[in-house]
Amino acid sequence: MNSDQSDFEGSCHCGTVRFRVRLSDGLNTARRCSCSYCRMRGAVAVTAVHEDFHLIAGEEALTLYEFNTHTAKHYFCSKCGVYTHHKRRSNPAQLGVNAACLAGVSPFDFREVPVNDGVNHPSDRAGEAGSGILGVLTFVPGDEGAR
């Protein structure tokens, strides 16, 4: 995995939703989030701006999920159910793209992934500053079957 690679093609599991994306800082922006939705979804997301995300096919198959403030817009394939991308609540000018949907990338390729504090979102605490990073999730190869 080349963490500096920026240009990718991607798709959902069944291939109905297909896209091209240029990531803002390659795979270096990989993050997880601790909010109630992301915690259950468990995806590693990487960053792009709206202008650099282009649907090739399957726009009609995308389904939108919103909750709480309805600022974040979570998109997934209505056929296979895979989350492909979302408009970020923390920065609505950015998209989070499911790293597992990118050709040649697996979430297990990332050694460490910072975890954003989505439970105590910065937008909910006017005037408070902070990194918003809870910690780092570390993947140790060979542990996948430990449970």
Protein backbone atom coordinates (compact mmCIF):
# COMPACT_ATOMS: atom_id res chain seq x y z
CA MET A 1 0.00 0.00 0.00
CA ASN A 2 1.35 3.40 -1.01
CA SER A 3 -0.03 5.86 1.57
CA ASP A 4 0.77 8.81 -0.72
CA GLN A 5 -1.29 7.50 -3.65
CA SER A 6 -4.14 9.94 -4.23
CA ASP A 7 -6.07 8.78 -7.30
CA PHE A 8 -8.33 5.75 -6.94
CA GLU A 9 -11.24 3.99 -8.51
CA GLY A 10 -13.70 2.48 -6.11
CA SER A 11 -16.97 0.62 -5.83
CA CYS A 12 -19.43 -0.98 -3.47
CA HIS A 13 -19.36 -4.76 -2.99
CA CYS A 14 -21.68 -5.62 -5.88
CA GLY A 15 -20.15 -3.02 -8.25
CA THR A 16 -23.40 -1.14 -8.84
CA VAL A 17 -21.96 2.07 -7.34
CA ARG A 18 -18.64 2.97 -8.94
CA PHE A 19 -16.58 6.12 -8.53
CA ARG A 20 -13.24 7.87 -9.10
CA VAL A 21 -11.71 9.96 -6.33
CA ARG A 22 -8.63 12.08 -5.68
CA LEU A 23 -7.88 12.01 -1.96
CA SER A 24 -6.78 15.23 -0.25
CA ASP A 25 -3.62 13.69 1.24
CA GLY A 26 -3.61 10.16 -0.06
CA LEU A 27 -4.30 7.45 2.48
CA ASN A 28 -2.61 9.54 5.18
CA THR A 29 -6.04 10.92 6.20
CA ALA A 30 -7.35 7.52 7.34
CA ARG A 31 -9.64 7.91 10.38
CA ARG A 32 -12.34 6.14 12.34
CA CYS A 33 -15.05 7.86 14.36
CA SER A 34 -16.60 7.00 17.73
CA CYS A 35 -20.10 8.40 17.09
CA SER A 36 -22.98 5.95 17.51
CA TYR A 37 -23.35 5.36 13.76
CA CYS A 38 -19.68 5.08 12.82
CA ARG A 39 -18.94 2.90 15.83
CA MET A 40 -21.45 0.34 14.49
CA ARG A 41 -20.32 0.76 10.88
CA GLY A 42 -16.64 0.33 11.76
CA ALA A 43 -15.25 1.71 8.50
CA VAL A 44 -11.93 3.45 7.94
CA ALA A 45 -12.62 6.69 6.07
CA VAL A 46 -10.19 8.79 4.02
CA THR A 47 -10.67 12.43 2.96
CA ALA A 48 -11.62 14.04 -0.35
CA VAL A 49 -13.33 17.28 -1.33
CA HIS A 50 -16.65 17.14 -3.21
CA GLU A 51 -15.08 18.32 -6.49
CA ASP A 52 -12.65 15.39 -6.47
CA PHE A 53 -15.29 12.66 -6.09
CA HIS A 54 -16.96 11.53 -9.32
CA LEU A 55 -19.66 8.88 -9.58
CA ILE A 56 -19.14 6.72 -12.66
CA ALA A 57 -22.22 4.55 -12.19
CA GLY A 58 -24.96 3.73 -9.71
CA GLU A 59 -26.13 7.14 -8.54
CA GLU A 60 -29.71 5.86 -8.70
CA ALA A 61 -28.76 2.98 -6.38
CA LEU A 62 -27.33 5.22 -3.65
CA THR A 63 -29.38 5.49 -0.48
CA LEU A 64 -28.96 8.34 2.00
CA TYR A 65 -28.95 8.00 5.79
CA GLU A 66 -29.08 11.03 8.09
CA PHE A 67 -29.58 11.34 11.83
CA ASN A 68 -29.34 13.86 14.69
CA THR A 69 -28.35 17.22 13.11
CA HIS A 70 -28.75 15.92 9.50
CA THR A 71 -25.48 17.67 8.61
CA ALA A 72 -23.61 14.47 7.81
CA LYS A 73 -24.96 12.60 4.79
CA HIS A 74 -24.10 8.88 4.73
CA TYR A 75 -24.43 7.11 1.37
CA PHE A 76 -24.61 3.39 0.77
CA CYS A 77 -25.55 1.01 -2.04
CA SER A 78 -29.22 0.01 -1.87
CA LYS A 79 -28.40 -3.37 -3.47
CA CYS A 80 -25.48 -4.70 -1.38
CA GLY A 81 -25.70 -2.32 1.61
CA VAL A 82 -22.06 -1.20 1.58
CA TYR A 83 -21.28 2.34 2.80
CA THR A 84 -19.31 4.15 0.09
CA HIS A 85 -18.93 7.74 1.32
CA HIS A 86 -20.37 10.51 3.45
CA LYS A 87 -20.46 14.29 3.68
CA ARG A 88 -18.70 15.16 6.91
CA ARG A 89 -20.38 16.90 9.81
CA SER A 90 -17.05 18.32 10.99
CA ASN A 91 -16.39 19.87 7.57
CA PRO A 92 -19.33 19.70 5.12
CA ALA A 93 -16.96 20.71 2.28
CA GLN A 94 -15.25 17.33 2.69
CA LEU A 95 -16.23 13.74 2.05
CA GLY A 96 -15.19 10.71 4.00
CA VAL A 97 -14.67 7.82 1.60
CA ASN A 98 -14.76 4.20 2.74
CA ALA A 99 -11.15 3.04 2.29
CA ALA A 100 -12.35 -0.56 1.83
CA CYS A 101 -14.18 0.51 -1.36
CA LEU A 102 -10.95 1.73 -3.00
CA ALA A 103 -9.38 -0.62 -5.54
CA GLY A 104 -6.32 -2.30 -4.06
CA VAL A 105 -6.92 -1.07 -0.48
CA SER A 106 -8.02 -3.03 2.58
CA PRO A 107 -8.75 -1.59 6.03
CA PHE A 108 -6.24 -4.16 7.29
CA ASP A 109 -3.49 -2.40 5.30
CA PHE A 110 -3.42 0.43 7.87
CA ARG A 111 -1.09 -0.18 10.80
CA GLU A 112 -2.57 2.62 12.95
CA VAL A 113 -5.77 4.58 12.48
CA PRO A 114 -6.62 7.64 14.61
CA VAL A 115 -10.10 7.59 16.17
CA ASN A 116 -12.02 10.88 16.09
CA ASP A 117 -14.23 11.73 19.07
CA GLY A 118 -17.63 11.71 17.36
CA VAL A 119 -19.52 11.23 20.63
CA ASN A 120 -18.31 14.63 21.89
CA HIS A 121 -18.33 16.34 18.51
CA PRO A 122 -16.57 19.74 18.34
CA SER A 123 -19.71 21.25 16.74
CA ASP A 124 -21.60 20.44 19.94
CA ARG A 125 -19.18 22.43 22.12
CA ALA A 126 -19.14 26.01 20.85
CA GLY A 127 -15.92 27.78 21.75
CA GLU A 128 -14.02 24.68 22.86
CA ALA A 129 -10.86 23.70 21.06
CA GLY A 130 -9.18 20.34 20.89
CA SER A 131 -7.77 17.80 18.52
CA GLY A 132 -10.90 15.65 18.56
CA ILE A 133 -8.66 12.56 18.48
CA LEU A 134 -9.54 9.95 21.10
CA GLY A 135 -6.64 7.65 20.42
CA VAL A 136 -5.21 5.34 17.82
CA LEU A 137 -6.51 1.95 16.80
CA THR A 138 -3.51 -0.30 16.17
CA PHE A 139 -3.81 -3.33 13.93
CA VAL A 140 -1.40 -6.16 14.60
CA PRO A 141 -1.13 -8.52 11.60
CA GLY A 142 -2.08 -12.05 12.53
CA ASP A 143 -4.59 -10.96 15.19
CA GLU A 144 -7.58 -11.04 12.81
CA GLY A 145 -8.62 -14.51 13.96
CA ALA A 146 -7.78 -14.08 17.64
CA ARG A 147 -11.43 -13.93 18.77
